[in-house]
């Protein structure tokens, strides 16, 4: 029986441009503790599809977790712009809240 990660990799091999599959793979990698691989997968998703709003939050959270606060701040800010320009106020609000929490934590 295939693992979830194996199935996602199979789906991605069939359609490498599928943003949802790439996003799901990154989440699965993170859940397995493969943080650097998850970060790389999220980064490749942003390069491929910068409008995939959920990526910004997840990537920034992983960057925070690995001590890369400055990069996380840049990702949050970029996500806020993308979410705002796409009219996704909920995502924009979540990104703003996460950014504020990170910046306050750095004080």
PDB file of N, CA and C in Angstrom:
ATOM      1  N   UNK A   1       0.832  -1.177   0.000  1.00  0.00           N
ATOM      2  CA  UNK A   1       0.000   0.000   0.000  1.00  0.00           C
ATOM      3  C   UNK A   1       0.887   1.255   0.000  1.00  0.00           C
ATOM      4  N   UNK A   2       0.540   2.207  -0.849  1.00  0.00           N
ATOM      5  CA  UNK A   2       1.318   3.431  -0.967  1.00  0.00           C
ATOM      6  C   UNK A   2       1.051   4.375   0.209  1.00  0.00           C
ATOM      7  N   UNK A   3       2.094   5.076   0.589  1.00  0.00           N
ATOM      8  CA  UNK A   3       1.910   6.120   1.594  1.00  0.00           C
ATOM      9  C   UNK A   3       1.304   7.347   0.912  1.00  0.00           C
ATOM     10  N   UNK A   4       0.826   8.256   1.724  1.00  0.00           N
ATOM     11  CA  UNK A   4       0.267   9.505   1.181  1.00  0.00           C
ATOM     12  C   UNK A   4       1.332  10.249   0.373  1.00  0.00           C
ATOM     13  N   UNK A   5       2.554  10.306   0.909  1.00  0.00           N
ATOM     14  CA  UNK A   5       3.638  10.984   0.204  1.00  0.00           C
ATOM     15  C   UNK A   5       3.917  10.328  -1.144  1.00  0.00           C
ATOM     16  N   UNK A   6       3.937   9.011  -1.178  1.00  0.00           N
ATOM     17  CA  UNK A   6       4.178   8.298  -2.447  1.00  0.00           C
ATOM     18  C   UNK A   6       3.084   8.609  -3.465  1.00  0.00           C
ATOM     19  N   UNK A   7       1.834   8.646  -3.005  1.00  0.00           N
ATOM     20  CA  UNK A   7       0.728   8.969  -3.923  1.00  0.00           C
ATOM     21  C   UNK A   7       0.856  10.392  -4.446  1.00  0.00           C
ATOM     22  N   UNK A   8       1.201  11.319  -3.564  1.00  0.00           N
ATOM     23  CA  UNK A   8       1.358  12.710  -3.982  1.00  0.00           C
ATOM     24  C   UNK A   8       2.501  12.858  -4.985  1.00  0.00           C
ATOM     25  N   UNK A   9       3.599  12.163  -4.735  1.00  0.00           N
ATOM     26  CA  UNK A   9       4.718  12.201  -5.686  1.00  0.00           C
ATOM     27  C   UNK A   9       4.316  11.623  -7.037  1.00  0.00           C
ATOM     28  N   UNK A  10       3.509  10.582  -7.006  1.00  0.00           N
ATOM     29  CA  UNK A  10       3.011   9.982  -8.247  1.00  0.00           C
ATOM     30  C   UNK A  10       2.115  10.979  -9.000  1.00  0.00           C
ATOM     31  N   UNK A  11       1.209  11.622  -8.281  1.00  0.00           N
ATOM     32  CA  UNK A  11       0.342  12.629  -8.902  1.00  0.00           C
ATOM     33  C   UNK A  11       1.167  13.772  -9.483  1.00  0.00           C
ATOM     34  N   UNK A  12       2.180  14.194  -8.739  1.00  0.00           N
ATOM     35  CA  UNK A  12       3.017  15.301  -9.182  1.00  0.00           C
ATOM     36  C   UNK A  12       3.834  14.922 -10.413  1.00  0.00           C
ATOM     37  N   UNK A  13       4.250  13.670 -10.492  1.00  0.00           N
ATOM     38  CA  UNK A  13       4.980  13.207 -11.674  1.00  0.00           C
ATOM     39  C   UNK A  13       4.090  13.268 -12.918  1.00  0.00           C
ATOM     40  N   UNK A  14       2.801  12.994 -12.742  1.00  0.00           N
ATOM     41  CA  UNK A  14       1.861  13.045 -13.865  1.00  0.00           C
ATOM     42  C   UNK A  14       1.531  14.473 -14.266  1.00  0.00           C
ATOM     43  N   UNK A  15       1.494  15.380 -13.279  1.00  0.00           N
ATOM     44  CA  UNK A  15       1.165  16.776 -13.554  1.00  0.00           C
ATOM     45  C   UNK A  15       2.015  17.680 -12.658  1.00  0.00           C
ATOM     46  N   UNK A  16       3.248  17.973 -13.092  1.00  0.00           N
ATOM     47  CA  UNK A  16       4.161  18.759 -12.260  1.00  0.00           C
ATOM     48  C   UNK A  16       3.686  20.192 -11.996  1.00  0.00           C
ATOM     49  N   UNK A  17       2.714  20.667 -12.755  1.00  0.00           N
ATOM     50  CA  UNK A  17       2.215  22.027 -12.583  1.00  0.00           C
ATOM     51  C   UNK A  17       0.974  22.108 -11.700  1.00  0.00           C
ATOM     52  N   UNK A  18       0.612  21.012 -11.061  1.00  0.00           N
ATOM     53  CA  UNK A  18      -0.568  21.002 -10.203  1.00  0.00           C
ATOM     54  C   UNK A  18      -0.217  21.624  -8.845  1.00  0.00           C
ATOM     55  N   UNK A  19      -0.676  22.842  -8.654  1.00  0.00           N
ATOM     56  CA  UNK A  19      -0.351  23.583  -7.431  1.00  0.00           C
ATOM     57  C   UNK A  19      -0.889  22.899  -6.186  1.00  0.00           C
ATOM     58  N   UNK A  20      -2.106  22.391  -6.253  1.00  0.00           N
ATOM     59  CA  UNK A  20      -2.686  21.747  -5.073  1.00  0.00           C
ATOM     60  C   UNK A  20      -1.860  20.542  -4.640  1.00  0.00           C
ATOM     61  N   UNK A  21      -1.444  19.717  -5.589  1.00  0.00           N
ATOM     62  CA  UNK A  21      -0.651  18.533  -5.253  1.00  0.00           C
ATOM     63  C   UNK A  21       0.687  18.930  -4.657  1.00  0.00           C
ATOM     64  N   UNK A  22       1.325  19.942  -5.222  1.00  0.00           N
ATOM     65  CA  UNK A  22       2.613  20.405  -4.698  1.00  0.00           C
ATOM     66  C   UNK A  22       2.441  20.938  -3.267  1.00  0.00           C
ATOM     67  N   UNK A  23       1.352  21.683  -3.047  1.00  0.00           N
ATOM     68  CA  UNK A  23       1.045  22.218  -1.719  1.00  0.00           C
ATOM     69  C   UNK A  23       0.816  21.067  -0.729  1.00  0.00           C
ATOM     70  N   UNK A  24       0.027  20.096  -1.127  1.00  0.00           N
ATOM     71  CA  UNK A  24      -0.260  18.943  -0.263  1.00  0.00           C
ATOM     72  C   UNK A  24       1.017  18.159   0.040  1.00  0.00           C
ATOM     73  N   UNK A  25       1.894  18.021  -0.943  1.00  0.00           N
ATOM     74  CA  UNK A  25       3.164  17.326  -0.723  1.00  0.00           C
ATOM     75  C   UNK A  25       4.015  18.076   0.296  1.00  0.00           C
ATOM     76  N   UNK A  26       4.075  19.390   0.185  1.00  0.00           N
ATOM     77  CA  UNK A  26       4.857  20.180   1.134  1.00  0.00           C
ATOM     78  C   UNK A  26       4.308  20.006   2.553  1.00  0.00           C
ATOM     79  N   UNK A  27       2.987  20.023   2.684  1.00  0.00           N
ATOM     80  CA  UNK A  27       2.381  19.812   4.007  1.00  0.00           C
ATOM     81  C   UNK A  27       2.715  18.422   4.543  1.00  0.00           C
ATOM     82  N   UNK A  28       2.678  17.429   3.680  1.00  0.00           N
ATOM     83  CA  UNK A  28       2.988  16.060   4.097  1.00  0.00           C
ATOM     84  C   UNK A  28       4.452  15.949   4.524  1.00  0.00           C
ATOM     85  N   UNK A  29       5.338  16.559   3.776  1.00  0.00           N
ATOM     86  CA  UNK A  29       6.754  16.545   4.146  1.00  0.00           C
ATOM     87  C   UNK A  29       6.952  17.189   5.517  1.00  0.00           C
ATOM     88  N   UNK A  30       6.281  18.313   5.734  1.00  0.00           N
ATOM     89  CA  UNK A  30       6.390  18.999   7.028  1.00  0.00           C
ATOM     90  C   UNK A  30       5.866  18.110   8.153  1.00  0.00           C
ATOM     91  N   UNK A  31       4.760  17.439   7.895  1.00  0.00           N
ATOM     92  CA  UNK A  31       4.181  16.583   8.939  1.00  0.00           C
ATOM     93  C   UNK A  31       5.080  15.390   9.258  1.00  0.00           C
ATOM     94  N   UNK A  32       5.906  14.997   8.301  1.00  0.00           N
ATOM     95  CA  UNK A  32       6.854  13.898   8.519  1.00  0.00           C
ATOM     96  C   UNK A  32       8.172  14.388   9.123  1.00  0.00           C
ATOM     97  N   UNK A  33       8.260  15.701   9.363  1.00  0.00           N
ATOM     98  CA  UNK A  33       9.477  16.250   9.945  1.00  0.00           C
ATOM     99  C   UNK A  33      10.555  16.590   8.938  1.00  0.00           C
ATOM    100  N   UNK A  34      10.234  16.488   7.666  1.00  0.00           N
ATOM    101  CA  UNK A  34      11.184  16.806   6.607  1.00  0.00           C
ATOM    102  C   UNK A  34      11.041  18.298   6.261  1.00  0.00           C
ATOM    103  N   UNK A  35      11.454  19.138   7.218  1.00  0.00           N
ATOM    104  CA  UNK A  35      11.190  20.570   7.157  1.00  0.00           C
ATOM    105  C   UNK A  35      11.907  21.242   5.982  1.00  0.00           C
ATOM    106  N   UNK A  36      13.165  20.960   5.792  1.00  0.00           N
ATOM    107  CA  UNK A  36      13.897  21.601   4.689  1.00  0.00           C
ATOM    108  C   UNK A  36      13.314  21.208   3.329  1.00  0.00           C
ATOM    109  N   UNK A  37      12.912  19.942   3.194  1.00  0.00           N
ATOM    110  CA  UNK A  37      12.286  19.503   1.945  1.00  0.00           C
ATOM    111  C   UNK A  37      10.942  20.195   1.743  1.00  0.00           C
ATOM    112  N   UNK A  38      10.199  20.366   2.830  1.00  0.00           N
ATOM    113  CA  UNK A  38       8.915  21.069   2.754  1.00  0.00           C
ATOM    114  C   UNK A  38       9.127  22.522   2.345  1.00  0.00           C
ATOM    115  N   UNK A  39      10.123  23.168   2.945  1.00  0.00           N
ATOM    116  CA  UNK A  39      10.429  24.552   2.588  1.00  0.00           C
ATOM    117  C   UNK A  39      10.772  24.651   1.109  1.00  0.00           C
ATOM    118  N   UNK A  40      11.594  23.745   0.624  1.00  0.00           N
ATOM    119  CA  UNK A  40      11.964  23.745  -0.793  1.00  0.00           C
ATOM    120  C   UNK A  40      10.762  23.539  -1.697  1.00  0.00           C
ATOM    121  N   UNK A  41       9.849  22.677  -1.294  1.00  0.00           N
ATOM    122  CA  UNK A  41       8.650  22.411  -2.084  1.00  0.00           C
ATOM    123  C   UNK A  41       7.738  23.634  -2.096  1.00  0.00           C
ATOM    124  N   UNK A  42       7.578  24.291  -0.942  1.00  0.00           N
ATOM    125  CA  UNK A  42       6.789  25.523  -0.902  1.00  0.00           C
ATOM    126  C   UNK A  42       7.433  26.612  -1.753  1.00  0.00           C
ATOM    127  N   UNK A  43       8.757  26.717  -1.696  1.00  0.00           N
ATOM    128  CA  UNK A  43       9.451  27.727  -2.514  1.00  0.00           C
ATOM    129  C   UNK A  43       9.228  27.471  -3.998  1.00  0.00           C
ATOM    130  N   UNK A  44       9.316  26.217  -4.404  1.00  0.00           N
ATOM    131  CA  UNK A  44       9.105  25.913  -5.827  1.00  0.00           C
ATOM    132  C   UNK A  44       7.659  26.207  -6.231  1.00  0.00           C
ATOM    133  N   UNK A  45       6.715  25.990  -5.320  1.00  0.00           N
ATOM    134  CA  UNK A  45       5.322  26.316  -5.603  1.00  0.00           C
ATOM    135  C   UNK A  45       5.152  27.817  -5.790  1.00  0.00           C
ATOM    136  N   UNK A  46       5.795  28.627  -4.940  1.00  0.00           N
ATOM    137  CA  UNK A  46       5.691  30.077  -5.090  1.00  0.00           C
ATOM    138  C   UNK A  46       6.282  30.547  -6.409  1.00  0.00           C
ATOM    139  N   UNK A  47       7.376  29.933  -6.831  1.00  0.00           N
ATOM    140  CA  UNK A  47       7.974  30.287  -8.127  1.00  0.00           C
ATOM    141  C   UNK A  47       7.023  29.941  -9.261  1.00  0.00           C
ATOM    142  N   UNK A  48       6.406  28.781  -9.158  1.00  0.00           N
ATOM    143  CA  UNK A  48       5.512  28.294 -10.204  1.00  0.00           C
ATOM    144  C   UNK A  48       4.176  29.035 -10.206  1.00  0.00           C
ATOM    145  N   UNK A  49       3.649  29.305  -8.999  1.00  0.00           N
ATOM    146  CA  UNK A  49       2.318  29.902  -8.885  1.00  0.00           C
ATOM    147  C   UNK A  49       2.299  30.881  -7.704  1.00  0.00           C
ATOM    148  N   UNK A  50       2.786  32.109  -7.927  1.00  0.00           N
ATOM    149  CA  UNK A  50       2.843  33.077  -6.832  1.00  0.00           C
ATOM    150  C   UNK A  50       1.466  33.500  -6.313  1.00  0.00           C
ATOM    151  N   UNK A  51       0.409  33.152  -7.002  1.00  0.00           N
ATOM    152  CA  UNK A  51      -0.936  33.489  -6.562  1.00  0.00           C
ATOM    153  C   UNK A  51      -1.567  32.466  -5.641  1.00  0.00           C
ATOM    154  N   UNK A  52      -0.862  31.380  -5.338  1.00  0.00           N
ATOM    155  CA  UNK A  52      -1.398  30.343  -4.453  1.00  0.00           C
ATOM    156  C   UNK A  52      -1.201  30.812  -3.014  1.00  0.00           C
ATOM    157  N   UNK A  53      -2.179  31.530  -2.511  1.00  0.00           N
ATOM    158  CA  UNK A  53      -2.060  32.317  -1.287  1.00  0.00           C
ATOM    159  C   UNK A  53      -1.675  31.506  -0.053  1.00  0.00           C
ATOM    160  N   UNK A  54      -2.228  30.329   0.125  1.00  0.00           N
ATOM    161  CA  UNK A  54      -1.953  29.539   1.323  1.00  0.00           C
ATOM    162  C   UNK A  54      -0.487  29.207   1.511  1.00  0.00           C
ATOM    163  N   UNK A  55       0.254  29.211   0.430  1.00  0.00           N
ATOM    164  CA  UNK A  55       1.673  28.875   0.475  1.00  0.00           C
ATOM    165  C   UNK A  55       2.456  29.854   1.338  1.00  0.00           C
ATOM    166  N   UNK A  56       2.098  31.121   1.275  1.00  0.00           N
ATOM    167  CA  UNK A  56       2.845  32.139   2.006  1.00  0.00           C
ATOM    168  C   UNK A  56       2.812  31.875   3.516  1.00  0.00           C
ATOM    169  N   UNK A  57       1.645  31.594   4.030  1.00  0.00           N
ATOM    170  CA  UNK A  57       1.503  31.350   5.468  1.00  0.00           C
ATOM    171  C   UNK A  57       2.290  30.104   5.872  1.00  0.00           C
ATOM    172  N   UNK A  58       2.096  29.018   5.152  1.00  0.00           N
ATOM    173  CA  UNK A  58       2.750  27.759   5.519  1.00  0.00           C
ATOM    174  C   UNK A  58       4.267  27.862   5.413  1.00  0.00           C
ATOM    175  N   UNK A  59       4.753  28.482   4.342  1.00  0.00           N
ATOM    176  CA  UNK A  59       6.201  28.638   4.169  1.00  0.00           C
ATOM    177  C   UNK A  59       6.779  29.517   5.279  1.00  0.00           C
ATOM    178  N   UNK A  60       6.128  30.638   5.554  1.00  0.00           N
ATOM    179  CA  UNK A  60       6.640  31.538   6.588  1.00  0.00           C
ATOM    180  C   UNK A  60       6.661  30.855   7.956  1.00  0.00           C
ATOM    181  N   UNK A  61       5.641  30.072   8.268  1.00  0.00           N
ATOM    182  CA  UNK A  61       5.614  29.355   9.547  1.00  0.00           C
ATOM    183  C   UNK A  61       6.803  28.395   9.661  1.00  0.00           C
ATOM    184  N   UNK A  62       7.107  27.696   8.575  1.00  0.00           N
ATOM    185  CA  UNK A  62       8.256  26.777   8.604  1.00  0.00           C
ATOM    186  C   UNK A  62       9.565  27.551   8.731  1.00  0.00           C
ATOM    187  N   UNK A  63       9.648  28.682   8.072  1.00  0.00           N
ATOM    188  CA  UNK A  63      10.854  29.507   8.187  1.00  0.00           C
ATOM    189  C   UNK A  63      11.023  29.996   9.628  1.00  0.00           C
ATOM    190  N   UNK A  64       9.918  30.391  10.250  1.00  0.00           N
ATOM    191  CA  UNK A  64       9.960  30.777  11.666  1.00  0.00           C
ATOM    192  C   UNK A  64      10.502  29.622  12.508  1.00  0.00           C
ATOM    193  N   UNK A  65       9.958  28.440  12.249  1.00  0.00           N
ATOM    194  CA  UNK A  65      10.317  27.241  13.017  1.00  0.00           C
ATOM    195  C   UNK A  65      11.813  26.935  12.911  1.00  0.00           C
ATOM    196  N   UNK A  66      12.412  27.278  11.782  1.00  0.00           N
ATOM    197  CA  UNK A  66      13.836  26.993  11.567  1.00  0.00           C
ATOM    198  C   UNK A  66      14.717  28.202  11.889  1.00  0.00           C
ATOM    199  N   UNK A  67      14.123  29.230  12.525  1.00  0.00           N
ATOM    200  CA  UNK A  67      14.905  30.385  12.964  1.00  0.00           C
ATOM    201  C   UNK A  67      15.204  31.406  11.883  1.00  0.00           C
ATOM    202  N   UNK A  68      14.521  31.333  10.765  1.00  0.00           N
ATOM    203  CA  UNK A  68      14.756  32.268   9.659  1.00  0.00           C
ATOM    204  C   UNK A  68      13.687  33.363   9.676  1.00  0.00           C
ATOM    205  N   UNK A  69      13.688  34.131  10.758  1.00  0.00           N
ATOM    206  CA  UNK A  69      12.638  35.129  10.989  1.00  0.00           C
ATOM    207  C   UNK A  69      12.605  36.217   9.919  1.00  0.00           C
ATOM    208  N   UNK A  70      13.754  36.700   9.507  1.00  0.00           N
ATOM    209  CA  UNK A  70      13.780  37.775   8.507  1.00  0.00           C
ATOM    210  C   UNK A  70      13.146  37.323   7.200  1.00  0.00           C
ATOM    211  N   UNK A  71      13.471  36.120   6.783  1.00  0.00           N
ATOM    212  CA  UNK A  71      12.876  35.596   5.550  1.00  0.00           C
ATOM    213  C   UNK A  71      11.381  35.364   5.747  1.00  0.00           C
ATOM    214  N   UNK A  72      10.989  34.888   6.905  1.00  0.00           N
ATOM    215  CA  UNK A  72       9.569  34.674   7.199  1.00  0.00           C
ATOM    216  C   UNK A  72       8.806  35.991   7.102  1.00  0.00           C
ATOM    217  N   UNK A  73       9.384  37.052   7.634  1.00  0.00           N
ATOM    218  CA  UNK A  73       8.747  38.372   7.556  1.00  0.00           C
ATOM    219  C   UNK A  73       8.556  38.784   6.102  1.00  0.00           C
ATOM    220  N   UNK A  74       9.565  38.574   5.283  1.00  0.00           N
ATOM    221  CA  UNK A  74       9.443  38.919   3.847  1.00  0.00           C
ATOM    222  C   UNK A  74       8.336  38.112   3.181  1.00  0.00           C
ATOM    223  N   UNK A  75       8.236  36.835   3.529  1.00  0.00           N
ATOM    224  CA  UNK A  75       7.212  35.974   2.935  1.00  0.00           C
ATOM    225  C   UNK A  75       5.828  36.404   3.401  1.00  0.00           C
ATOM    226  N   UNK A  76       5.675  36.693   4.694  1.00  0.00           N
ATOM    227  CA  UNK A  76       4.379  37.179   5.188  1.00  0.00           C
ATOM    228  C   UNK A  76       3.966  38.443   4.440  1.00  0.00           C
ATOM    229  N   UNK A  77       4.884  39.386   4.307  1.00  0.00           N
ATOM    230  CA  UNK A  77       4.572  40.661   3.647  1.00  0.00           C
ATOM    231  C   UNK A  77       4.181  40.439   2.186  1.00  0.00           C
ATOM    232  N   UNK A  78       4.895  39.566   1.505  1.00  0.00           N
ATOM    233  CA  UNK A  78       4.551  39.258   0.116  1.00  0.00           C
ATOM    234  C   UNK A  78       3.168  38.622   0.042  1.00  0.00           C
ATOM    235  N   UNK A  79       2.876  37.725   0.967  1.00  0.00           N
ATOM    236  CA  UNK A  79       1.573  37.069   0.999  1.00  0.00           C
ATOM    237  C   UNK A  79       0.448  38.043   1.265  1.00  0.00           C
ATOM    238  N   UNK A  80       0.686  39.016   2.123  1.00  0.00           N
ATOM    239  CA  UNK A  80      -0.323  40.038   2.417  1.00  0.00           C
ATOM    240  C   UNK A  80      -0.673  40.805   1.141  1.00  0.00           C
ATOM    241  N   UNK A  81       0.330  41.141   0.362  1.00  0.00           N
ATOM    242  CA  UNK A  81       0.104  41.856  -0.900  1.00  0.00           C
ATOM    243  C   UNK A  81      -0.701  40.995  -1.866  1.00  0.00           C
ATOM    244  N   UNK A  82      -0.304  39.741  -2.020  1.00  0.00           N
ATOM    245  CA  UNK A  82      -0.994  38.837  -2.946  1.00  0.00           C
ATOM    246  C   UNK A  82      -2.431  38.602  -2.497  1.00  0.00           C
ATOM    247  N   UNK A  83      -2.628  38.339  -1.213  1.00  0.00           N
ATOM    248  CA  UNK A  83      -3.974  38.099  -0.692  1.00  0.00           C
ATOM    249  C   UNK A  83      -4.851  39.339  -0.870  1.00  0.00           C
ATOM    250  N   UNK A  84      -4.288  40.494  -0.601  1.00  0.00           N
ATOM    251  CA  UNK A  84      -5.042  41.735  -0.753  1.00  0.00           C
ATOM    252  C   UNK A  84      -5.426  42.001  -2.186  1.00  0.00           C
ATOM    253  N   UNK A  85      -4.492  41.763  -3.101  1.00  0.00           N
ATOM    254  CA  UNK A  85      -4.788  42.036  -4.512  1.00  0.00           C
ATOM    255  C   UNK A  85      -5.764  41.030  -5.110  1.00  0.00           C
ATOM    256  N   UNK A  86      -5.868  39.854  -4.489  1.00  0.00           N
ATOM    257  CA  UNK A  86      -6.821  38.850  -4.985  1.00  0.00           C
ATOM    258  C   UNK A  86      -8.165  38.940  -4.261  1.00  0.00           C
ATOM    259  N   UNK A  87      -8.257  39.853  -3.291  1.00  0.00           N
ATOM    260  CA  UNK A  87      -9.508  40.017  -2.558  1.00  0.00           C
ATOM    261  C   UNK A  87      -9.737  38.991  -1.471  1.00  0.00           C
ATOM    262  N   UNK A  88      -8.715  38.239  -1.113  1.00  0.00           N
ATOM    263  CA  UNK A  88      -8.835  37.206  -0.087  1.00  0.00           C
ATOM    264  C   UNK A  88      -8.545  37.845   1.280  1.00  0.00           C
ATOM    265  N   UNK A  89      -9.553  38.476   1.835  1.00  0.00           N
ATOM    266  CA  UNK A  89      -9.386  39.206   3.093  1.00  0.00           C
ATOM    267  C   UNK A  89      -9.094  38.284   4.279  1.00  0.00           C
ATOM    268  N   UNK A  90      -9.659  37.103   4.259  1.00  0.00           N
ATOM    269  CA  UNK A  90      -9.405  36.156   5.357  1.00  0.00           C
ATOM    270  C   UNK A  90      -7.926  35.785   5.407  1.00  0.00           C
ATOM    271  N   UNK A  91      -7.372  35.414   4.271  1.00  0.00           N
ATOM    272  CA  UNK A  91      -5.952  35.053   4.225  1.00  0.00           C
ATOM    273  C   UNK A  91      -5.082  36.267   4.565  1.00  0.00           C
ATOM    274  N   UNK A  92      -5.469  37.430   4.070  1.00  0.00           N
ATOM    275  CA  UNK A  92      -4.712  38.646   4.365  1.00  0.00           C
ATOM    276  C   UNK A  92      -4.680  38.893   5.869  1.00  0.00           C
ATOM    277  N   UNK A  93      -5.810  38.735   6.523  1.00  0.00           N
ATOM    278  CA  UNK A  93      -5.901  38.936   7.966  1.00  0.00           C
ATOM    279  C   UNK A  93      -5.040  37.927   8.728  1.00  0.00           C
ATOM    280  N   UNK A  94      -5.074  36.668   8.321  1.00  0.00           N
ATOM    281  CA  UNK A  94      -4.250  35.639   8.975  1.00  0.00           C
ATOM    282  C   UNK A  94      -2.760  35.941   8.814  1.00  0.00           C
ATOM    283  N   UNK A  95      -2.381  36.367   7.618  1.00  0.00           N
ATOM    284  CA  UNK A  95      -0.977  36.691   7.367  1.00  0.00           C
ATOM    285  C   UNK A  95      -0.547  37.906   8.188  1.00  0.00           C
ATOM    286  N   UNK A  96      -1.405  38.908   8.264  1.00  0.00           N
ATOM    287  CA  UNK A  96      -1.085  40.098   9.056  1.00  0.00           C
ATOM    288  C   UNK A  96      -0.926  39.741  10.534  1.00  0.00           C
ATOM    289  N   UNK A  97      -1.813  38.916  11.043  1.00  0.00           N
ATOM    290  CA  UNK A  97      -1.751  38.492  12.441  1.00  0.00           C
ATOM    291  C   UNK A  97      -0.462  37.723  12.721  1.00  0.00           C
ATOM    292  N   UNK A  98      -0.115  36.799  11.837  1.00  0.00           N
ATOM    293  CA  UNK A  98       1.112  36.016  12.008  1.00  0.00           C
ATOM    294  C   UNK A  98       2.341  36.924  11.950  1.00  0.00           C
ATOM    295  N   UNK A  99       2.315  37.905  11.053  1.00  0.00           N
ATOM    296  CA  UNK A  99       3.433  38.848  10.933  1.00  0.00           C
ATOM    297  C   UNK A  99       3.582  39.661  12.212  1.00  0.00           C
ATOM    298  N   UNK A 100       2.486  40.176  12.722  1.00  0.00           N
ATOM    299  CA  UNK A 100       2.520  40.952  13.964  1.00  0.00           C
ATOM    300  C   UNK A 100       3.058  40.098  15.105  1.00  0.00           C
ATOM    301  N   UNK A 101       2.570  38.881  15.223  1.00  0.00           N
ATOM    302  CA  UNK A 101       3.042  37.984  16.293  1.00  0.00           C
ATOM    303  C   UNK A 101       4.528  37.713  16.185  1.00  0.00           C
ATOM    304  N   UNK A 102       5.015  37.543  14.979  1.00  0.00           N
ATOM    305  CA  UNK A 102       6.458  37.302  14.795  1.00  0.00           C
ATOM    306  C   UNK A 102       7.256  38.544  15.150  1.00  0.00           C
ATOM    307  N   UNK A 103       6.797  39.688  14.674  1.00  0.00           N
ATOM    308  CA  UNK A 103       7.545  40.924  14.947  1.00  0.00           C
ATOM    309  C   UNK A 103       7.537  41.270  16.436  1.00  0.00           C
ATOM    310  N   UNK A 104       6.425  41.041  17.105  1.00  0.00           N
ATOM    311  CA  UNK A 104       6.349  41.294  18.551  1.00  0.00           C
ATOM    312  C   UNK A 104       7.260  40.323  19.298  1.00  0.00           C
ATOM    313  N   UNK A 105       7.313  39.105  18.835  1.00  0.00           N
ATOM    314  CA  UNK A 105       8.164  38.100  19.466  1.00  0.00           C
ATOM    315  C   UNK A 105       9.634  38.401  19.332  1.00  0.00           C
ATOM    316  N   UNK A 106       9.998  39.168  18.306  1.00  0.00           N
ATOM    317  CA  UNK A 106      11.403  39.525  18.077  1.00  0.00           C
ATOM    318  C   UNK A 106      11.847  40.728  18.891  1.00  0.00           C
ATOM    319  N   UNK A 107      10.922  41.363  19.580  1.00  0.00           N
ATOM    320  CA  UNK A 107      11.252  42.586  20.329  1.00  0.00           C
ATOM    321  C   UNK A 107      11.976  42.201  21.610  1.00  0.00           C
TER     322      UNK A 107
END
